[in-house]
Amino acid sequence: MHAAELWSAYFHARFASPREVALFCDVSFQTALNWWGAVTAPASHIALLVLLTDPEAPAFFADAVQRAA
């Protein structure tokens, strides 16, 4: 699994739609749609936003890393 797929899985687990992602992350709908569809992954400032604001995010990513190992 590459970064875009990992982030897409997170966004699908956490949000109901790309529009929610766009609103939460303060990005364009097209950017959120790219993340949703695993076309691209978010930049580091979005990763930091997620890790600091979603208490379940660290566990989600830790589980993903453990499954990949």
PDB file of N, CA and C in Angstrom:
ATOM      1  N   MET A   1       0.853  -1.177   0.000  1.00  0.00           N
ATOM      2  CA  MET A   1       0.000   0.000   0.000  1.00  0.00           C
ATOM      3  C   MET A   1       0.897   1.238   0.000  1.00  0.00           C
ATOM      4  N   HIS A   2       0.620   2.162  -0.900  1.00  0.00           N
ATOM      5  CA  HIS A   2       1.411   3.393  -0.910  1.00  0.00           C
ATOM      6  C   HIS A   2       0.660   4.501  -0.174  1.00  0.00           C
ATOM      7  N   ALA A   3       1.296   5.652   0.001  1.00  0.00           N
ATOM      8  CA  ALA A   3       0.759   6.719   0.846  1.00  0.00           C
ATOM      9  C   ALA A   3      -0.636   7.163   0.427  1.00  0.00           C
ATOM     10  N   ALA A   4      -0.863   7.348  -0.852  1.00  0.00           N
ATOM     11  CA  ALA A   4      -2.179   7.809  -1.310  1.00  0.00           C
ATOM     12  C   ALA A   4      -3.271   6.802  -0.944  1.00  0.00           C
ATOM     13  N   GLU A   5      -2.976   5.522  -1.049  1.00  0.00           N
ATOM     14  CA  GLU A   5      -3.957   4.492  -0.682  1.00  0.00           C
ATOM     15  C   GLU A   5      -4.225   4.492   0.820  1.00  0.00           C
ATOM     16  N   LEU A   6      -3.181   4.690   1.603  1.00  0.00           N
ATOM     17  CA  LEU A   6      -3.325   4.735   3.057  1.00  0.00           C
ATOM     18  C   LEU A   6      -4.190   5.924   3.475  1.00  0.00           C
ATOM     19  N   TRP A   7      -3.906   7.086   2.911  1.00  0.00           N
ATOM     20  CA  TRP A   7      -4.697   8.266   3.242  1.00  0.00           C
ATOM     21  C   TRP A   7      -6.126   8.126   2.754  1.00  0.00           C
ATOM     22  N   SER A   8      -6.323   7.553   1.597  1.00  0.00           N
ATOM     23  CA  SER A   8      -7.673   7.325   1.092  1.00  0.00           C
ATOM     24  C   SER A   8      -8.453   6.436   2.061  1.00  0.00           C
ATOM     25  N   ALA A   9      -7.827   5.380   2.538  1.00  0.00           N
ATOM     26  CA  ALA A   9      -8.481   4.489   3.495  1.00  0.00           C
ATOM     27  C   ALA A   9      -8.859   5.242   4.770  1.00  0.00           C
ATOM     28  N   TYR A  10      -7.959   6.108   5.235  1.00  0.00           N
ATOM     29  CA  TYR A  10      -8.260   6.907   6.429  1.00  0.00           C
ATOM     30  C   TYR A  10      -9.460   7.818   6.178  1.00  0.00           C
ATOM     31  N   PHE A  11      -9.448   8.543   5.067  1.00  0.00           N
ATOM     32  CA  PHE A  11     -10.539   9.469   4.781  1.00  0.00           C
ATOM     33  C   PHE A  11     -11.867   8.744   4.626  1.00  0.00           C
ATOM     34  N   HIS A  12     -11.857   7.567   4.018  1.00  0.00           N
ATOM     35  CA  HIS A  12     -13.088   6.781   3.896  1.00  0.00           C
ATOM     36  C   HIS A  12     -13.589   6.322   5.267  1.00  0.00           C
ATOM     37  N   ALA A  13     -12.671   5.995   6.160  1.00  0.00           N
ATOM     38  CA  ALA A  13     -13.049   5.536   7.499  1.00  0.00           C
ATOM     39  C   ALA A  13     -13.572   6.683   8.365  1.00  0.00           C
ATOM     40  N   ARG A  14     -13.039   7.862   8.168  1.00  0.00           N
ATOM     41  CA  ARG A  14     -13.328   8.990   9.056  1.00  0.00           C
ATOM     42  C   ARG A  14     -14.445   9.903   8.566  1.00  0.00           C
ATOM     43  N   PHE A  15     -14.593  10.041   7.258  1.00  0.00           N
ATOM     44  CA  PHE A  15     -15.537  11.001   6.686  1.00  0.00           C
ATOM     45  C   PHE A  15     -16.550  10.301   5.783  1.00  0.00           C
ATOM     46  N   ALA A  16     -17.705  10.938   5.621  1.00  0.00           N
ATOM     47  CA  ALA A  16     -18.767  10.360   4.794  1.00  0.00           C
ATOM     48  C   ALA A  16     -18.611  10.684   3.314  1.00  0.00           C
ATOM     49  N   SER A  17     -17.835  11.719   2.983  1.00  0.00           N
ATOM     50  CA  SER A  17     -17.727  12.132   1.587  1.00  0.00           C
ATOM     51  C   SER A  17     -16.492  13.012   1.374  1.00  0.00           C
ATOM     52  N   PRO A  18     -16.074  13.159   0.128  1.00  0.00           N
ATOM     53  CA  PRO A  18     -14.968  14.070  -0.165  1.00  0.00           C
ATOM     54  C   PRO A  18     -15.287  15.512   0.239  1.00  0.00           C
ATOM     55  N   ARG A  19     -16.547  15.894   0.181  1.00  0.00           N
ATOM     56  CA  ARG A  19     -16.924  17.251   0.595  1.00  0.00           C
ATOM     57  C   ARG A  19     -16.595  17.481   2.072  1.00  0.00           C
ATOM     58  N   GLU A  20     -16.867  16.492   2.914  1.00  0.00           N
ATOM     59  CA  GLU A  20     -16.514  16.613   4.334  1.00  0.00           C
ATOM     60  C   GLU A  20     -15.008  16.748   4.515  1.00  0.00           C
ATOM     61  N   VAL A  21     -14.260  15.989   3.742  1.00  0.00           N
ATOM     62  CA  VAL A  21     -12.799  16.081   3.794  1.00  0.00           C
ATOM     63  C   VAL A  21     -12.361  17.491   3.413  1.00  0.00           C
ATOM     64  N   ALA A  22     -12.917  18.021   2.334  1.00  0.00           N
ATOM     65  CA  ALA A  22     -12.559  19.363   1.873  1.00  0.00           C
ATOM     66  C   ALA A  22     -12.845  20.406   2.949  1.00  0.00           C
ATOM     67  N   LEU A  23     -13.995  20.309   3.590  1.00  0.00           N
ATOM     68  CA  LEU A  23     -14.347  21.276   4.624  1.00  0.00           C
ATOM     69  C   LEU A  23     -13.450  21.151   5.846  1.00  0.00           C
ATOM     70  N   PHE A  24     -13.193  19.921   6.274  1.00  0.00           N
ATOM     71  CA  PHE A  24     -12.359  19.708   7.455  1.00  0.00           C
ATOM     72  C   PHE A  24     -10.925  20.176   7.231  1.00  0.00           C
ATOM     73  N   CYS A  25     -10.376  19.860   6.064  1.00  0.00           N
ATOM     74  CA  CYS A  25      -8.967  20.166   5.773  1.00  0.00           C
ATOM     75  C   CYS A  25      -8.770  21.531   5.124  1.00  0.00           C
ATOM     76  N   ASP A  26      -9.860  22.225   4.825  1.00  0.00           N
ATOM     77  CA  ASP A  26      -9.803  23.543   4.196  1.00  0.00           C
ATOM     78  C   ASP A  26      -9.043  23.493   2.874  1.00  0.00           C
ATOM     79  N   VAL A  27      -9.453  22.558   2.031  1.00  0.00           N
ATOM     80  CA  VAL A  27      -8.874  22.407   0.696  1.00  0.00           C
ATOM     81  C   VAL A  27     -10.007  22.406  -0.328  1.00  0.00           C
ATOM     82  N   SER A  28      -9.655  22.495  -1.588  1.00  0.00           N
ATOM     83  CA  SER A  28     -10.669  22.465  -2.635  1.00  0.00           C
ATOM     84  C   SER A  28     -11.321  21.092  -2.698  1.00  0.00           C
ATOM     85  N   PHE A  29     -12.525  21.073  -3.269  1.00  0.00           N
ATOM     86  CA  PHE A  29     -13.214  19.801  -3.453  1.00  0.00           C
ATOM     87  C   PHE A  29     -12.381  18.879  -4.339  1.00  0.00           C
ATOM     88  N   GLN A  30     -11.736  19.427  -5.367  1.00  0.00           N
ATOM     89  CA  GLN A  30     -10.921  18.599  -6.270  1.00  0.00           C
ATOM     90  C   GLN A  30      -9.758  17.949  -5.529  1.00  0.00           C
ATOM     91  N   THR A  31      -9.119  18.691  -4.648  1.00  0.00           N
ATOM     92  CA  THR A  31      -8.024  18.121  -3.856  1.00  0.00           C
ATOM     93  C   THR A  31      -8.548  16.990  -2.977  1.00  0.00           C
ATOM     94  N   ALA A  32      -9.666  17.241  -2.300  1.00  0.00           N
ATOM     95  CA  ALA A  32     -10.249  16.202  -1.456  1.00  0.00           C
ATOM     96  C   ALA A  32     -10.659  14.981  -2.282  1.00  0.00           C
ATOM     97  N   LEU A  33     -11.160  15.221  -3.471  1.00  0.00           N
ATOM     98  CA  LEU A  33     -11.540  14.115  -4.354  1.00  0.00           C
ATOM     99  C   LEU A  33     -10.314  13.301  -4.765  1.00  0.00           C
ATOM    100  N   ASN A  34      -9.191  13.962  -5.006  1.00  0.00           N
ATOM    101  CA  ASN A  34      -7.950  13.261  -5.325  1.00  0.00           C
ATOM    102  C   ASN A  34      -7.490  12.398  -4.154  1.00  0.00           C
ATOM    103  N   TRP A  35      -7.596  12.913  -2.954  1.00  0.00           N
ATOM    104  CA  TRP A  35      -7.236  12.118  -1.778  1.00  0.00           C
ATOM    105  C   TRP A  35      -8.194  10.950  -1.608  1.00  0.00           C
ATOM    106  N   TRP A  36      -9.478  11.216  -1.766  1.00  0.00           N
ATOM    107  CA  TRP A  36     -10.524  10.205  -1.603  1.00  0.00           C
ATOM    108  C   TRP A  36     -10.302   9.032  -2.556  1.00  0.00           C
ATOM    109  N   GLY A  37      -9.907   9.367  -3.783  1.00  0.00           N
ATOM    110  CA  GLY A  37      -9.699   8.343  -4.806  1.00  0.00           C
ATOM    111  C   GLY A  37      -8.289   7.803  -4.879  1.00  0.00           C
ATOM    112  N   ALA A  38      -7.439   8.153  -3.928  1.00  0.00           N
ATOM    113  CA  ALA A  38      -6.047   7.676  -3.866  1.00  0.00           C
ATOM    114  C   ALA A  38      -5.233   8.095  -5.082  1.00  0.00           C
ATOM    115  N   VAL A  39      -5.564   9.258  -5.629  1.00  0.00           N
ATOM    116  CA  VAL A  39      -4.769   9.797  -6.738  1.00  0.00           C
ATOM    117  C   VAL A  39      -3.513  10.456  -6.197  1.00  0.00           C
ATOM    118  N   THR A  40      -3.675  11.210  -5.114  1.00  0.00           N
ATOM    119  CA  THR A  40      -2.555  11.865  -4.432  1.00  0.00           C
ATOM    120  C   THR A  40      -2.746  11.720  -2.932  1.00  0.00           C
ATOM    121  N   ALA A  41      -1.699  12.028  -2.182  1.00  0.00           N
ATOM    122  CA  ALA A  41      -1.760  12.031  -0.723  1.00  0.00           C
ATOM    123  C   ALA A  41      -1.611  13.463  -0.225  1.00  0.00           C
ATOM    124  N   PRO A  42      -2.136  13.762   0.946  1.00  0.00           N
ATOM    125  CA  PRO A  42      -2.007  15.116   1.473  1.00  0.00           C
ATOM    126  C   PRO A  42      -0.570  15.468   1.841  1.00  0.00           C
ATOM    127  N   ALA A  43      -0.312  16.763   1.880  1.00  0.00           N
ATOM    128  CA  ALA A  43       1.002  17.279   2.282  1.00  0.00           C
ATOM    129  C   ALA A  43       1.153  17.174   3.801  1.00  0.00           C
ATOM    130  N   SER A  44       2.339  17.428   4.273  1.00  0.00           N
ATOM    131  CA  SER A  44       2.660  17.232   5.687  1.00  0.00           C
ATOM    132  C   SER A  44       1.819  18.103   6.619  1.00  0.00           C
ATOM    133  N   HIS A  45       1.448  19.307   6.226  1.00  0.00           N
ATOM    134  CA  HIS A  45       0.657  20.146   7.131  1.00  0.00           C
ATOM    135  C   HIS A  45      -0.748  19.571   7.342  1.00  0.00           C
ATOM    136  N   ILE A  46      -1.275  18.864   6.351  1.00  0.00           N
ATOM    137  CA  ILE A  46      -2.566  18.201   6.519  1.00  0.00           C
ATOM    138  C   ILE A  46      -2.406  16.969   7.414  1.00  0.00           C
ATOM    139  N   ALA A  47      -1.325  16.247   7.229  1.00  0.00           N
ATOM    140  CA  ALA A  47      -1.056  15.094   8.098  1.00  0.00           C
ATOM    141  C   ALA A  47      -0.978  15.542   9.551  1.00  0.00           C
ATOM    142  N   LEU A  48      -0.301  16.645   9.793  1.00  0.00           N
ATOM    143  CA  LEU A  48      -0.189  17.170  11.148  1.00  0.00           C
ATOM    144  C   LEU A  48      -1.558  17.591  11.682  1.00  0.00           C
ATOM    145  N   LEU A  49      -2.345  18.269  10.861  1.00  0.00           N
ATOM    146  CA  LEU A  49      -3.700  18.657  11.254  1.00  0.00           C
ATOM    147  C   LEU A  49      -4.505  17.433  11.695  1.00  0.00           C
ATOM    148  N   VAL A  50      -4.456  16.388  10.898  1.00  0.00           N
ATOM    149  CA  VAL A  50      -5.208  15.163  11.206  1.00  0.00           C
ATOM    150  C   VAL A  50      -4.721  14.545  12.512  1.00  0.00           C
ATOM    151  N   LEU A  51      -3.421  14.414  12.653  1.00  0.00           N
ATOM    152  CA  LEU A  51      -2.881  13.757  13.849  1.00  0.00           C
ATOM    153  C   LEU A  51      -3.142  14.557  15.117  1.00  0.00           C
ATOM    154  N   LEU A  52      -3.230  15.874  15.000  1.00  0.00           N
ATOM    155  CA  LEU A  52      -3.470  16.705  16.183  1.00  0.00           C
ATOM    156  C   LEU A  52      -4.947  16.886  16.518  1.00  0.00           C
ATOM    157  N   THR A  53      -5.827  16.599  15.583  1.00  0.00           N
ATOM    158  CA  THR A  53      -7.242  16.864  15.825  1.00  0.00           C
ATOM    159  C   THR A  53      -8.123  15.627  15.877  1.00  0.00           C
ATOM    160  N   ASP A  54      -7.658  14.514  15.383  1.00  0.00           N
ATOM    161  CA  ASP A  54      -8.458  13.289  15.419  1.00  0.00           C
ATOM    162  C   ASP A  54      -7.805  12.302  16.375  1.00  0.00           C
ATOM    163  N   PRO A  55      -8.389  12.104  17.552  1.00  0.00           N
ATOM    164  CA  PRO A  55      -7.775  11.210  18.533  1.00  0.00           C
ATOM    165  C   PRO A  55      -7.633   9.761  18.054  1.00  0.00           C
ATOM    166  N   GLU A  56      -8.416   9.371  17.050  1.00  0.00           N
ATOM    167  CA  GLU A  56      -8.347   8.005  16.542  1.00  0.00           C
ATOM    168  C   GLU A  56      -7.348   7.827  15.404  1.00  0.00           C
ATOM    169  N   ALA A  57      -6.827   8.922  14.870  1.00  0.00           N
ATOM    170  CA  ALA A  57      -5.912   8.834  13.732  1.00  0.00           C
ATOM    171  C   ALA A  57      -4.627   8.062  14.042  1.00  0.00           C
ATOM    172  N   PRO A  58      -3.942   8.339  15.151  1.00  0.00           N
ATOM    173  CA  PRO A  58      -2.711   7.584  15.403  1.00  0.00           C
ATOM    174  C   PRO A  58      -2.926   6.076  15.422  1.00  0.00           C
ATOM    175  N   ALA A  59      -4.014   5.637  16.028  1.00  0.00           N
ATOM    176  CA  ALA A  59      -4.295   4.194  16.075  1.00  0.00           C
ATOM    177  C   ALA A  59      -4.585   3.653  14.678  1.00  0.00           C
ATOM    178  N   PHE A  60      -5.312   4.425  13.867  1.00  0.00           N
ATOM    179  CA  PHE A  60      -5.613   3.983  12.507  1.00  0.00           C
ATOM    180  C   PHE A  60      -4.321   3.754  11.733  1.00  0.00           C
ATOM    181  N   PHE A  61      -3.399   4.711  11.793  1.00  0.00           N
ATOM    182  CA  PHE A  61      -2.153   4.590  11.037  1.00  0.00           C
ATOM    183  C   PHE A  61      -1.227   3.535  11.636  1.00  0.00           C
ATOM    184  N   ALA A  62      -1.216   3.392  12.950  1.00  0.00           N
ATOM    185  CA  ALA A  62      -0.413   2.340  13.594  1.00  0.00           C
ATOM    186  C   ALA A  62      -0.910   0.957  13.160  1.00  0.00           C
ATOM    187  N   ASP A  63      -2.216   0.786  13.110  1.00  0.00           N
ATOM    188  CA  ASP A  63      -2.779  -0.493  12.658  1.00  0.00           C
ATOM    189  C   ASP A  63      -2.407  -0.773  11.215  1.00  0.00           C
ATOM    190  N   ALA A  64      -2.449   0.247  10.385  1.00  0.00           N
ATOM    191  CA  ALA A  64      -2.109   0.079   8.962  1.00  0.00           C
ATOM    192  C   ALA A  64      -0.647  -0.319   8.799  1.00  0.00           C
ATOM    193  N   VAL A  65       0.214   0.288   9.573  1.00  0.00           N
ATOM    194  CA  VAL A  65       1.643  -0.055   9.520  1.00  0.00           C
ATOM    195  C   VAL A  65       1.861  -1.484   9.990  1.00  0.00           C
ATOM    196  N   GLN A  66       1.183  -1.866  11.055  1.00  0.00           N
ATOM    197  CA  GLN A  66       1.322  -3.231  11.584  1.00  0.00           C
ATOM    198  C   GLN A  66       0.823  -4.265  10.571  1.00  0.00           C
ATOM    199  N   ARG A  67      -0.285  -3.972   9.900  1.00  0.00           N
ATOM    200  CA  ARG A  67      -0.799  -4.912   8.889  1.00  0.00           C
ATOM    201  C   ARG A  67       0.154  -5.046   7.706  1.00  0.00           C
ATOM    202  N   ALA A  68       0.862  -3.965   7.389  1.00  0.00           N
ATOM    203  CA  ALA A  68       1.777  -3.975   6.239  1.00  0.00           C
ATOM    204  C   ALA A  68       3.074  -4.704   6.563  1.00  0.00           C
ATOM    205  N   ALA A  69       3.418  -4.796   7.828  1.00  0.00           N
ATOM    206  CA  ALA A  69       4.703  -5.405   8.220  1.00  0.00           C
ATOM    207  C   ALA A  69       4.686  -6.908   8.100  1.00  0.00           C
TER     208      ALA A  69
END
